[in-house]
Amino acid sequence: MEKIRSFIAVELPGELKKALAGLQSRFRSAGSPPLRWVEPGNIHITLKFLGDIDVDITGKITAALEASIQDIQPFSIEAGGLGVFPNMQCIQIIWVGLSGDLQKLGQLQKQIDVSLNHLGFPAEARPFTPHLTLARVRDYARPVERQKLGELISATGFEGKYRIDVKAVNLMRSQLTREGPIYSRISTVALK
């Protein structure tokens, strides 16, 4: 049986993807330490990572998504501001923050989590922390490089507010290649 790597996500508008590409360029031109950049076209809001699944179950996943989000109406959030995981002293991930109706986004994620639990996908153990991953620090980055990165992040900022209209969720496929992942949409479920 064919397996595919997949996740549930909200896709971003083109204007925001362009702004994220510009932000990445600013970091590159400032001589940032060794980072693995997320391709701007691939940046999204992950609601649930499913991992490797049987391709035959995608219809059941889509049906579960339809049932779980039928009472959620479209809403908007905004992207803006920079942050890091886990902290500025030991940076692993650089992200752009989200604001606005995060309570509704959290409700959407929770309902998806509960509905997919019935299909054998365990609920997330960690709390949902919505963000847009911009880059990951390479394992071989030295402590002094990570410190300089923290200073660069503090000085750079990303203060524009970019609206994201959440009107649908997507079941996505992730194909890993040497050049990076290639994402493709398997199905889309619209919010009512």
Protein backbone atom coordinates (compact mmCIF):
# COMPACT_ATOMS: atom_id res chain seq x y z
CA MET A 1 0.00 0.00 0.00
CA GLU A 2 1.33 3.43 -0.95
CA LYS A 3 2.29 5.75 1.92
CA ILE A 4 2.43 9.54 1.75
CA ARG A 5 3.71 12.10 4.24
CA SER A 6 0.93 14.54 5.11
CA PHE A 7 -0.35 17.33 7.32
CA ILE A 8 -3.37 19.63 7.78
CA ALA A 9 -2.72 23.33 7.14
CA VAL A 10 -4.04 26.79 6.42
CA GLU A 11 -2.36 28.25 3.36
CA LEU A 12 -1.18 31.87 3.23
CA PRO A 13 -2.01 34.70 0.83
CA GLY A 14 0.55 35.61 -1.84
CA GLU A 15 1.17 39.10 -0.39
CA LEU A 16 2.29 37.58 2.91
CA LYS A 17 4.52 35.01 1.20
CA LYS A 18 6.20 37.85 -0.71
CA ALA A 19 6.75 39.79 2.54
CA LEU A 20 8.25 36.67 4.18
CA ALA A 21 10.63 36.26 1.23
CA GLY A 22 11.70 39.88 1.72
CA LEU A 23 12.27 39.28 5.43
CA GLN A 24 14.44 36.25 4.64
CA SER A 25 16.47 38.39 2.20
CA ARG A 26 17.11 40.96 4.94
CA PHE A 27 18.49 38.22 7.19
CA ARG A 28 20.66 36.83 4.40
CA SER A 29 22.10 40.23 3.53
CA ALA A 30 22.94 40.83 7.20
CA GLY A 31 25.13 37.73 7.22
CA SER A 32 23.02 35.44 9.37
CA PRO A 33 24.54 32.23 10.78
CA PRO A 34 23.92 28.83 9.20
CA LEU A 35 20.17 28.56 8.75
CA ARG A 36 17.92 26.19 6.80
CA TRP A 37 15.34 28.51 5.26
CA VAL A 38 11.76 27.47 4.64
CA GLU A 39 10.86 28.20 1.02
CA PRO A 40 8.41 31.16 1.25
CA GLY A 41 5.93 29.37 -1.01
CA ASN A 42 5.88 26.48 1.47
CA ILE A 43 5.24 28.51 4.63
CA HIS A 44 1.83 27.71 6.13
CA ILE A 45 0.00 27.37 9.45
CA THR A 46 0.25 23.74 10.51
CA LEU A 47 -2.85 22.55 12.32
CA LYS A 48 -1.84 18.89 12.56
CA PHE A 49 1.08 16.82 11.29
CA LEU A 50 -0.08 13.34 10.31
CA GLY A 51 3.20 11.76 9.24
CA ASP A 52 3.23 8.81 6.84
CA ILE A 53 -0.29 7.66 6.05
CA ASP A 54 -1.84 5.12 3.68
CA VAL A 55 -3.01 6.95 0.57
CA ASP A 56 -6.32 5.05 0.83
CA ILE A 57 -7.25 6.87 4.06
CA THR A 58 -7.19 10.40 2.58
CA GLY A 59 -10.94 10.25 1.86
CA LYS A 60 -11.69 9.37 5.49
CA ILE A 61 -9.43 12.19 6.69
CA THR A 62 -11.23 14.67 4.43
CA ALA A 63 -14.63 13.43 5.68
CA ALA A 64 -13.45 13.78 9.30
CA LEU A 65 -12.29 17.35 8.55
CA GLU A 66 -15.70 18.19 7.02
CA ALA A 67 -17.52 16.85 10.07
CA SER A 68 -15.23 18.52 12.60
CA ILE A 69 -15.27 22.06 11.22
CA GLN A 70 -18.86 22.37 10.02
CA ASP A 71 -19.81 24.79 12.82
CA ILE A 72 -16.80 27.10 12.42
CA GLN A 73 -17.30 30.21 10.29
CA PRO A 74 -14.49 31.91 8.35
CA PHE A 75 -12.36 34.30 10.41
CA SER A 76 -9.22 36.41 10.11
CA ILE A 77 -5.86 36.52 11.84
CA GLU A 78 -2.75 38.61 11.24
CA ALA A 79 0.92 37.80 10.83
CA GLY A 80 3.55 40.11 12.30
CA GLY A 81 6.42 40.18 14.75
CA LEU A 82 9.38 37.83 15.11
CA GLY A 83 10.07 35.19 17.71
CA VAL A 84 12.15 32.10 18.35
CA PHE A 85 11.87 28.62 19.84
CA PRO A 86 12.85 27.71 22.49
CA ASN A 87 14.46 31.01 23.61
CA MET A 88 16.97 33.72 22.58
CA GLN A 89 19.83 31.97 24.36
CA CYS A 90 19.42 28.72 22.42
CA ILE A 91 17.69 29.56 19.14
CA GLN A 92 16.49 26.57 17.12
CA ILE A 93 13.62 28.05 15.08
CA ILE A 94 12.87 31.58 13.87
CA TRP A 95 9.19 32.31 13.40
CA VAL A 96 6.72 35.05 12.53
CA GLY A 97 3.93 35.45 15.06
CA LEU A 98 0.18 35.42 14.60
CA SER A 99 -2.43 37.59 16.30
CA GLY A 100 -6.13 38.31 15.98
CA ASP A 101 -8.77 35.62 16.47
CA LEU A 102 -6.33 33.00 17.79
CA GLN A 103 -9.05 31.58 20.02
CA LYS A 104 -11.01 30.55 16.92
CA LEU A 105 -7.83 29.18 15.31
CA GLY A 106 -7.20 27.16 18.48
CA GLN A 107 -10.78 25.88 18.41
CA LEU A 108 -10.31 24.84 14.77
CA GLN A 109 -7.10 22.99 15.60
CA LYS A 110 -8.64 21.27 18.63
CA GLN A 111 -11.70 20.08 16.71
CA ILE A 112 -9.47 18.67 13.97
CA ASP A 113 -7.29 16.98 16.60
CA VAL A 114 -10.34 15.34 18.24
CA SER A 115 -11.90 14.18 14.96
CA LEU A 116 -8.67 12.65 13.66
CA ASN A 117 -8.08 10.87 16.97
CA HIS A 118 -10.95 8.56 15.96
CA LEU A 119 -8.94 7.58 12.87
CA GLY A 120 -5.90 6.63 14.94
CA PHE A 121 -4.00 9.94 14.94
CA PRO A 122 -3.19 10.71 18.60
CA ALA A 123 -4.00 14.15 19.98
CA GLU A 124 -1.09 16.56 20.26
CA ALA A 125 0.62 16.41 23.65
CA ARG A 126 2.07 19.93 23.37
CA PRO A 127 -0.12 23.02 23.47
CA PHE A 128 -0.95 24.54 20.08
CA THR A 129 1.36 27.50 19.44
CA PRO A 130 0.37 29.02 16.09
CA HIS A 131 3.27 30.52 14.13
CA LEU A 132 4.91 30.66 10.70
CA THR A 133 8.31 28.93 10.63
CA LEU A 134 10.81 31.09 8.74
CA ALA A 135 14.06 29.17 9.33
CA ARG A 136 15.75 26.50 11.43
CA VAL A 137 19.22 26.95 12.87
CA ARG A 138 21.60 24.30 11.61
CA ASP A 139 22.87 21.89 14.28
CA TYR A 140 26.48 22.89 13.69
CA ALA A 141 25.89 26.61 14.44
CA ARG A 142 28.27 27.72 17.19
CA PRO A 143 27.01 29.43 20.38
CA VAL A 144 28.53 32.76 19.30
CA GLU A 145 26.65 32.51 15.97
CA ARG A 146 23.39 31.82 17.80
CA GLN A 147 24.03 34.86 20.03
CA LYS A 148 24.63 37.08 16.99
CA LEU A 149 21.44 35.69 15.46
CA GLY A 150 19.50 36.75 18.56
CA GLU A 151 20.90 40.26 18.20
CA LEU A 152 20.00 40.30 14.51
CA ILE A 153 16.43 39.17 15.23
CA SER A 154 16.03 41.87 17.89
CA ALA A 155 17.28 44.51 15.45
CA THR A 156 15.35 43.32 12.40
CA GLY A 157 11.71 43.04 13.40
CA PHE A 158 8.72 42.33 11.17
CA GLU A 159 6.21 44.96 12.10
CA GLY A 160 3.83 44.93 9.15
CA LYS A 161 0.46 43.35 9.79
CA TYR A 162 -0.59 40.91 7.10
CA ARG A 163 -4.15 39.61 7.11
CA ILE A 164 -4.84 35.91 6.70
CA ASP A 165 -8.46 35.07 5.92
CA VAL A 166 -9.06 31.55 7.23
CA LYS A 167 -11.74 30.22 4.90
CA ALA A 168 -10.59 26.61 4.49
CA VAL A 169 -8.25 23.92 5.74
CA ASN A 170 -6.19 21.70 3.47
CA LEU A 171 -4.98 18.14 3.62
CA MET A 172 -1.46 18.46 2.22
CA ARG A 173 1.11 16.02 0.89
CA SER A 174 4.80 16.57 1.61
CA GLN A 175 7.33 14.95 -0.71
CA LEU A 176 10.88 15.21 0.62
CA THR A 177 13.57 15.86 -2.00
CA ARG A 178 17.23 16.89 -1.93
CA GLU A 179 16.18 20.43 -2.88
CA GLY A 180 13.63 20.59 -0.05
CA PRO A 181 10.03 19.51 0.45
CA ILE A 182 7.41 19.81 -2.27
CA TYR A 183 3.90 20.42 -0.95
CA SER A 184 0.74 19.64 -2.88
CA ARG A 185 -2.89 19.92 -1.87
CA ILE A 186 -4.82 16.63 -1.61
CA SER A 187 -8.14 18.14 -0.55
CA THR A 188 -9.66 21.40 0.68
CA VAL A 189 -12.49 21.72 3.17
CA ALA A 190 -14.17 25.13 3.31
CA LEU A 191 -15.40 26.69 6.54
CA LYS A 192 -19.16 27.25 6.40
